[in-house]
Amino acid sequence: IHSEYLKIDLNGEAEKIDCQIRAFSEKPGAFLDFLLKGKKKRVKILKAQLHSNNFNSEPGHILSSDKQSLIVQCKKGSLELLELQLEGKKVQKTSEFLLGYPKEAIDFISLLKIV
């Protein structure tokens, strides 16, 4: 499988991205590149679900406001990320990930504009 099929494009529809995540979870794993504390990182998204609210935000914008969830805007719809794996780290629930990396440290949008 080519990595182009594994890379998640938040400029797509949330429903299709959710299918992509389920299809490639756990191995090889669908992934996102993003900025974490200003450094480019790769994270596998192992579990996600469609979020019921449809916000009018820019793709890649983080919509969640608590320490338990990470909801990301897609071009059409939004996804709640439930389980992820930062490169070189163990699989974590989003709530565990956010204990070490608050949402303010995570930036999907800047990297989407570069790539």
N, C-alpha and C. Protein backbone atom coordinates (compact mmCIF):
# COMPACT_ATOMS: atom_id res chain seq x y z
N ILE A 1 0.85 -1.18 0.00
CA ILE A 1 0.00 0.00 0.00
C ILE A 1 0.89 1.23 0.00
N HIS A 2 0.61 2.15 -0.92
CA HIS A 2 1.38 3.38 -1.00
C HIS A 2 0.97 4.34 0.12
N SER A 3 1.93 5.10 0.62
CA SER A 3 1.66 6.02 1.73
C SER A 3 0.64 7.10 1.35
N GLU A 4 0.49 7.38 0.06
CA GLU A 4 -0.50 8.38 -0.36
C GLU A 4 -1.93 7.94 -0.01
N TYR A 5 -2.17 6.64 0.06
CA TYR A 5 -3.49 6.13 0.46
C TYR A 5 -3.69 6.19 1.96
N LEU A 6 -2.60 6.23 2.70
CA LEU A 6 -2.66 6.22 4.16
C LEU A 6 -2.76 7.62 4.75
N LYS A 7 -2.28 8.62 4.01
CA LYS A 7 -2.27 9.98 4.53
C LYS A 7 -3.67 10.58 4.52
N ILE A 8 -4.09 11.05 5.68
CA ILE A 8 -5.42 11.64 5.84
C ILE A 8 -5.38 13.08 5.32
N ASP A 9 -6.34 13.41 4.49
CA ASP A 9 -6.46 14.77 3.96
C ASP A 9 -7.69 15.40 4.58
N LEU A 10 -7.49 16.33 5.50
CA LEU A 10 -8.60 16.97 6.18
C LEU A 10 -9.39 17.90 5.26
N ASN A 11 -8.94 18.06 4.03
CA ASN A 11 -9.70 18.81 3.04
C ASN A 11 -10.76 17.93 2.38
N GLY A 12 -10.93 16.72 2.90
CA GLY A 12 -11.94 15.81 2.37
C GLY A 12 -13.17 15.76 3.26
N GLU A 13 -14.06 14.83 2.94
CA GLU A 13 -15.29 14.64 3.72
C GLU A 13 -15.01 13.78 4.94
N ALA A 14 -15.56 14.16 6.07
CA ALA A 14 -15.34 13.43 7.33
C ALA A 14 -15.77 11.97 7.20
N GLU A 15 -16.86 11.72 6.50
CA GLU A 15 -17.35 10.34 6.35
C GLU A 15 -16.35 9.46 5.61
N LYS A 16 -15.75 9.99 4.55
CA LYS A 16 -14.74 9.23 3.79
C LYS A 16 -13.47 9.03 4.61
N ILE A 17 -13.08 10.05 5.36
CA ILE A 17 -11.89 9.94 6.21
C ILE A 17 -12.10 8.89 7.30
N ASP A 18 -13.30 8.86 7.86
CA ASP A 18 -13.63 7.85 8.87
C ASP A 18 -13.49 6.44 8.27
N CYS A 19 -13.96 6.25 7.06
CA CYS A 19 -13.82 4.95 6.37
C CYS A 19 -12.35 4.61 6.15
N GLN A 20 -11.56 5.61 5.76
CA GLN A 20 -10.12 5.41 5.54
C GLN A 20 -9.44 4.96 6.84
N ILE A 21 -9.77 5.59 7.94
CA ILE A 21 -9.18 5.25 9.24
C ILE A 21 -9.53 3.81 9.61
N ARG A 22 -10.80 3.45 9.45
CA ARG A 22 -11.22 2.09 9.79
C ARG A 22 -10.57 1.05 8.87
N ALA A 23 -10.41 1.39 7.60
CA ALA A 23 -9.83 0.44 6.64
C ALA A 23 -8.37 0.13 6.94
N PHE A 24 -7.62 1.13 7.39
CA PHE A 24 -6.18 0.94 7.58
C PHE A 24 -5.75 0.80 9.04
N SER A 25 -6.72 0.81 9.96
CA SER A 25 -6.38 0.65 11.37
C SER A 25 -6.05 -0.81 11.61
N GLU A 26 -5.22 -1.17 12.33
CA GLU A 26 -4.05 -0.68 13.02
C GLU A 26 -2.83 -0.71 12.11
N LYS A 27 -2.72 -1.71 11.29
CA LYS A 27 -1.58 -1.78 10.39
C LYS A 27 -2.09 -1.62 8.98
N PRO A 28 -1.53 -0.83 8.18
CA PRO A 28 -0.39 0.06 8.41
C PRO A 28 -0.75 1.34 9.14
N GLY A 29 -2.02 1.72 9.17
CA GLY A 29 -2.46 2.90 9.92
C GLY A 29 -2.54 4.16 9.09
N ALA A 30 -3.71 4.78 9.08
CA ALA A 30 -3.88 6.07 8.42
C ALA A 30 -3.24 7.13 9.32
N PHE A 31 -2.62 8.13 8.71
CA PHE A 31 -1.89 9.11 9.52
C PHE A 31 -2.13 10.54 9.09
N LEU A 32 -1.81 11.43 9.99
CA LEU A 32 -1.82 12.87 9.77
C LEU A 32 -0.44 13.42 10.08
N ASP A 33 -0.01 14.38 9.31
CA ASP A 33 1.17 15.16 9.67
C ASP A 33 0.65 16.46 10.27
N PHE A 34 1.27 16.91 11.33
CA PHE A 34 0.85 18.14 11.98
C PHE A 34 2.01 18.75 12.74
N LEU A 35 1.80 19.94 13.23
CA LEU A 35 2.83 20.60 14.04
C LEU A 35 2.49 20.43 15.51
N LEU A 36 3.46 19.94 16.27
CA LEU A 36 3.31 19.76 17.70
C LEU A 36 4.40 20.58 18.37
N LYS A 37 3.99 21.61 19.06
CA LYS A 37 4.94 22.55 19.68
C LYS A 37 5.92 23.07 18.63
N GLY A 38 5.41 23.33 17.43
CA GLY A 38 6.20 23.91 16.36
C GLY A 38 7.03 22.93 15.55
N LYS A 39 6.99 21.63 15.88
CA LYS A 39 7.78 20.63 15.16
C LYS A 39 6.85 19.70 14.38
N LYS A 40 7.25 19.37 13.14
CA LYS A 40 6.45 18.48 12.32
C LYS A 40 6.48 17.07 12.90
N LYS A 41 5.30 16.51 13.11
CA LYS A 41 5.16 15.16 13.66
C LYS A 41 4.15 14.39 12.83
N ARG A 42 4.21 13.08 12.95
CA ARG A 42 3.26 12.20 12.30
C ARG A 42 2.51 11.43 13.38
N VAL A 43 1.22 11.34 13.23
CA VAL A 43 0.40 10.60 14.18
C VAL A 43 -0.55 9.68 13.42
N LYS A 44 -0.58 8.41 13.85
CA LYS A 44 -1.54 7.47 13.29
C LYS A 44 -2.86 7.68 14.02
N ILE A 45 -3.92 7.73 13.26
CA ILE A 45 -5.25 7.80 13.86
C ILE A 45 -5.82 6.39 13.77
N LEU A 46 -5.98 5.75 14.91
CA LEU A 46 -6.42 4.36 14.94
C LEU A 46 -7.92 4.20 15.13
N LYS A 47 -8.53 5.20 15.73
CA LYS A 47 -9.97 5.13 15.96
C LYS A 47 -10.53 6.54 15.96
N ALA A 48 -11.64 6.71 15.26
CA ALA A 48 -12.31 8.01 15.19
C ALA A 48 -13.80 7.77 14.99
N GLN A 49 -14.56 8.82 15.17
CA GLN A 49 -16.00 8.72 14.87
C GLN A 49 -16.47 10.06 14.32
N LEU A 50 -17.51 9.98 13.52
CA LEU A 50 -18.09 11.20 12.98
C LEU A 50 -18.67 12.01 14.13
N HIS A 51 -18.48 13.30 14.08
CA HIS A 51 -19.03 14.17 15.10
C HIS A 51 -20.33 14.74 14.58
N SER A 52 -21.33 14.77 15.43
CA SER A 52 -22.68 15.14 14.98
C SER A 52 -22.83 16.61 14.60
N ASN A 53 -22.11 17.49 15.25
CA ASN A 53 -22.25 18.92 14.93
C ASN A 53 -21.45 19.26 13.69
N ASN A 54 -22.04 20.08 12.84
CA ASN A 54 -21.36 20.53 11.64
C ASN A 54 -20.98 21.99 11.83
N PHE A 55 -19.71 22.24 12.05
CA PHE A 55 -19.21 23.58 12.26
C PHE A 55 -18.77 24.18 10.93
N ASN A 56 -18.71 25.47 10.87
CA ASN A 56 -18.23 26.15 9.68
C ASN A 56 -16.85 26.72 9.95
N SER A 57 -15.89 25.83 10.11
CA SER A 57 -14.52 26.24 10.38
C SER A 57 -13.62 25.75 9.26
N GLU A 58 -12.42 26.24 9.27
CA GLU A 58 -11.41 25.85 8.29
C GLU A 58 -10.97 24.41 8.54
N PRO A 59 -10.78 23.61 7.46
CA PRO A 59 -10.29 22.24 7.66
C PRO A 59 -9.00 22.23 8.48
N GLY A 60 -8.94 21.33 9.45
CA GLY A 60 -7.78 21.24 10.33
C GLY A 60 -7.96 21.99 11.64
N HIS A 61 -9.00 22.83 11.72
CA HIS A 61 -9.25 23.58 12.95
C HIS A 61 -9.70 22.62 14.05
N ILE A 62 -9.13 22.76 15.24
CA ILE A 62 -9.50 21.93 16.37
C ILE A 62 -10.73 22.55 17.04
N LEU A 63 -11.79 21.75 17.12
CA LEU A 63 -13.06 22.27 17.60
C LEU A 63 -13.34 21.93 19.06
N SER A 64 -12.62 20.97 19.62
CA SER A 64 -12.91 20.55 20.99
C SER A 64 -12.50 21.61 21.99
N SER A 65 -13.17 21.59 23.13
CA SER A 65 -12.86 22.59 24.14
C SER A 65 -12.58 21.97 25.51
N ASP A 66 -12.53 20.65 25.58
CA ASP A 66 -12.24 20.04 26.87
C ASP A 66 -10.99 19.16 26.77
N LYS A 67 -10.63 18.54 27.89
CA LYS A 67 -9.40 17.74 27.94
C LYS A 67 -9.64 16.28 27.61
N GLN A 68 -10.87 15.94 27.24
CA GLN A 68 -11.22 14.55 26.96
C GLN A 68 -11.29 14.24 25.47
N SER A 69 -11.55 15.24 24.65
CA SER A 69 -11.78 14.95 23.23
C SER A 69 -11.00 15.90 22.33
N LEU A 70 -10.80 15.41 21.12
CA LEU A 70 -10.12 16.19 20.09
C LEU A 70 -10.98 16.07 18.84
N ILE A 71 -11.70 17.13 18.54
CA ILE A 71 -12.59 17.15 17.39
C ILE A 71 -11.96 18.06 16.34
N VAL A 72 -11.80 17.51 15.14
CA VAL A 72 -11.10 18.22 14.07
C VAL A 72 -12.06 18.47 12.91
N GLN A 73 -12.05 19.69 12.41
CA GLN A 73 -12.88 20.06 11.28
C GLN A 73 -12.30 19.50 9.99
N CYS A 74 -13.15 18.93 9.16
CA CYS A 74 -12.78 18.50 7.81
C CYS A 74 -13.46 19.46 6.84
N LYS A 75 -13.20 19.32 5.56
CA LYS A 75 -13.84 20.20 4.57
C LYS A 75 -15.36 20.10 4.71
N LYS A 76 -15.85 18.87 4.86
CA LYS A 76 -17.28 18.65 5.05
C LYS A 76 -17.45 17.74 6.27
N GLY A 77 -17.95 18.30 7.36
CA GLY A 77 -18.15 17.54 8.58
C GLY A 77 -16.95 17.63 9.51
N SER A 78 -17.04 16.90 10.61
CA SER A 78 -15.94 16.89 11.58
C SER A 78 -15.80 15.49 12.17
N LEU A 79 -14.60 15.22 12.68
CA LEU A 79 -14.27 13.93 13.26
C LEU A 79 -13.79 14.09 14.69
N GLU A 80 -14.22 13.18 15.54
CA GLU A 80 -13.67 13.12 16.88
C GLU A 80 -12.61 12.02 16.88
N LEU A 81 -11.38 12.38 17.19
CA LEU A 81 -10.29 11.42 17.23
C LEU A 81 -10.32 10.73 18.59
N LEU A 82 -10.38 9.40 18.59
CA LEU A 82 -10.56 8.64 19.83
C LEU A 82 -9.30 7.93 20.30
N GLU A 83 -8.49 7.47 19.34
CA GLU A 83 -7.30 6.70 19.68
C GLU A 83 -6.23 7.02 18.65
N LEU A 84 -5.03 7.32 19.13
CA LEU A 84 -3.96 7.70 18.21
C LEU A 84 -2.61 7.20 18.70
N GLN A 85 -1.64 7.30 17.81
CA GLN A 85 -0.29 6.87 18.14
C GLN A 85 0.70 7.85 17.53
N LEU A 86 1.32 8.63 18.38
CA LEU A 86 2.35 9.57 17.94
C LEU A 86 3.58 8.78 17.54
N GLU A 87 4.27 9.21 16.50
CA GLU A 87 5.43 8.47 16.02
C GLU A 87 6.39 8.17 17.16
N GLY A 88 6.80 6.89 17.26
CA GLY A 88 7.73 6.46 18.29
C GLY A 88 7.13 6.26 19.67
N LYS A 89 5.82 6.41 19.79
CA LYS A 89 5.15 6.29 21.09
C LYS A 89 4.13 5.16 21.05
N LYS A 90 3.57 4.84 22.21
CA LYS A 90 2.56 3.79 22.30
C LYS A 90 1.19 4.34 21.91
N VAL A 91 0.27 3.43 21.64
CA VAL A 91 -1.11 3.81 21.33
C VAL A 91 -1.74 4.44 22.56
N GLN A 92 -2.46 5.55 22.35
CA GLN A 92 -3.09 6.26 23.45
C GLN A 92 -4.52 6.65 23.11
N LYS A 93 -5.34 6.71 24.14
CA LYS A 93 -6.65 7.33 23.97
C LYS A 93 -6.40 8.83 23.89
N THR A 94 -7.29 9.53 23.23
CA THR A 94 -7.10 10.98 23.07
C THR A 94 -6.96 11.69 24.40
N SER A 95 -7.73 11.29 25.39
CA SER A 95 -7.65 11.93 26.71
C SER A 95 -6.25 11.80 27.31
N GLU A 96 -5.59 10.66 27.10
CA GLU A 96 -4.22 10.46 27.59
C GLU A 96 -3.24 11.33 26.82
N PHE A 97 -3.42 11.40 25.51
CA PHE A 97 -2.57 12.23 24.66
C PHE A 97 -2.65 13.70 25.08
N LEU A 98 -3.87 14.16 25.35
CA LEU A 98 -4.07 15.57 25.70
C LEU A 98 -3.52 15.94 27.07
N LEU A 99 -3.25 14.95 27.93
CA LEU A 99 -2.60 15.24 29.22
C LEU A 99 -1.18 15.75 28.98
N GLY A 100 -0.50 15.19 27.98
CA GLY A 100 0.87 15.59 27.68
C GLY A 100 0.98 16.72 26.68
N TYR A 101 -0.03 16.82 25.82
CA TYR A 101 -0.02 17.83 24.76
C TYR A 101 -1.37 18.53 24.70
N PRO A 102 -1.49 19.66 25.36
CA PRO A 102 -2.76 20.37 25.30
C PRO A 102 -3.07 20.81 23.87
N LYS A 103 -4.35 20.99 23.59
CA LYS A 103 -4.73 21.30 22.21
C LYS A 103 -4.07 22.58 21.68
N GLU A 104 -3.66 23.47 22.57
CA GLU A 104 -2.99 24.70 22.13
C GLU A 104 -1.64 24.40 21.49
N ALA A 105 -1.06 23.23 21.80
CA ALA A 105 0.25 22.87 21.27
C ALA A 105 0.14 22.16 19.92
N ILE A 106 -1.08 21.86 19.48
CA ILE A 106 -1.31 21.08 18.27
C ILE A 106 -1.80 21.99 17.16
N ASP A 107 -1.20 21.89 15.98
CA ASP A 107 -1.57 22.76 14.87
C ASP A 107 -1.65 21.95 13.58
N PHE A 108 -2.87 21.69 13.14
CA PHE A 108 -3.08 21.01 11.87
C PHE A 108 -3.11 22.01 10.72
N ILE A 109 -3.66 23.19 10.97
CA ILE A 109 -3.94 24.15 9.91
C ILE A 109 -2.68 24.66 9.23
N SER A 110 -1.67 25.08 9.98
CA SER A 110 -0.45 25.63 9.38
C SER A 110 0.20 24.64 8.43
N LEU A 111 0.25 23.38 8.83
CA LEU A 111 0.89 22.38 7.99
C LEU A 111 0.04 22.07 6.76
N LEU A 112 -1.29 22.13 6.91
CA LEU A 112 -2.16 21.93 5.74
C LEU A 112 -1.92 22.99 4.69
N LYS A 113 -1.62 24.19 5.12
CA LYS A 113 -1.38 25.29 4.18
C LYS A 113 -0.03 25.15 3.50
N ILE A 114 0.93 24.51 4.17
CA ILE A 114 2.29 24.33 3.61
C ILE A 114 2.29 23.19 2.60
N VAL A 115 1.66 22.07 2.95
CA VAL A 115 1.72 20.85 2.13
C VAL A 115 0.80 20.93 0.95
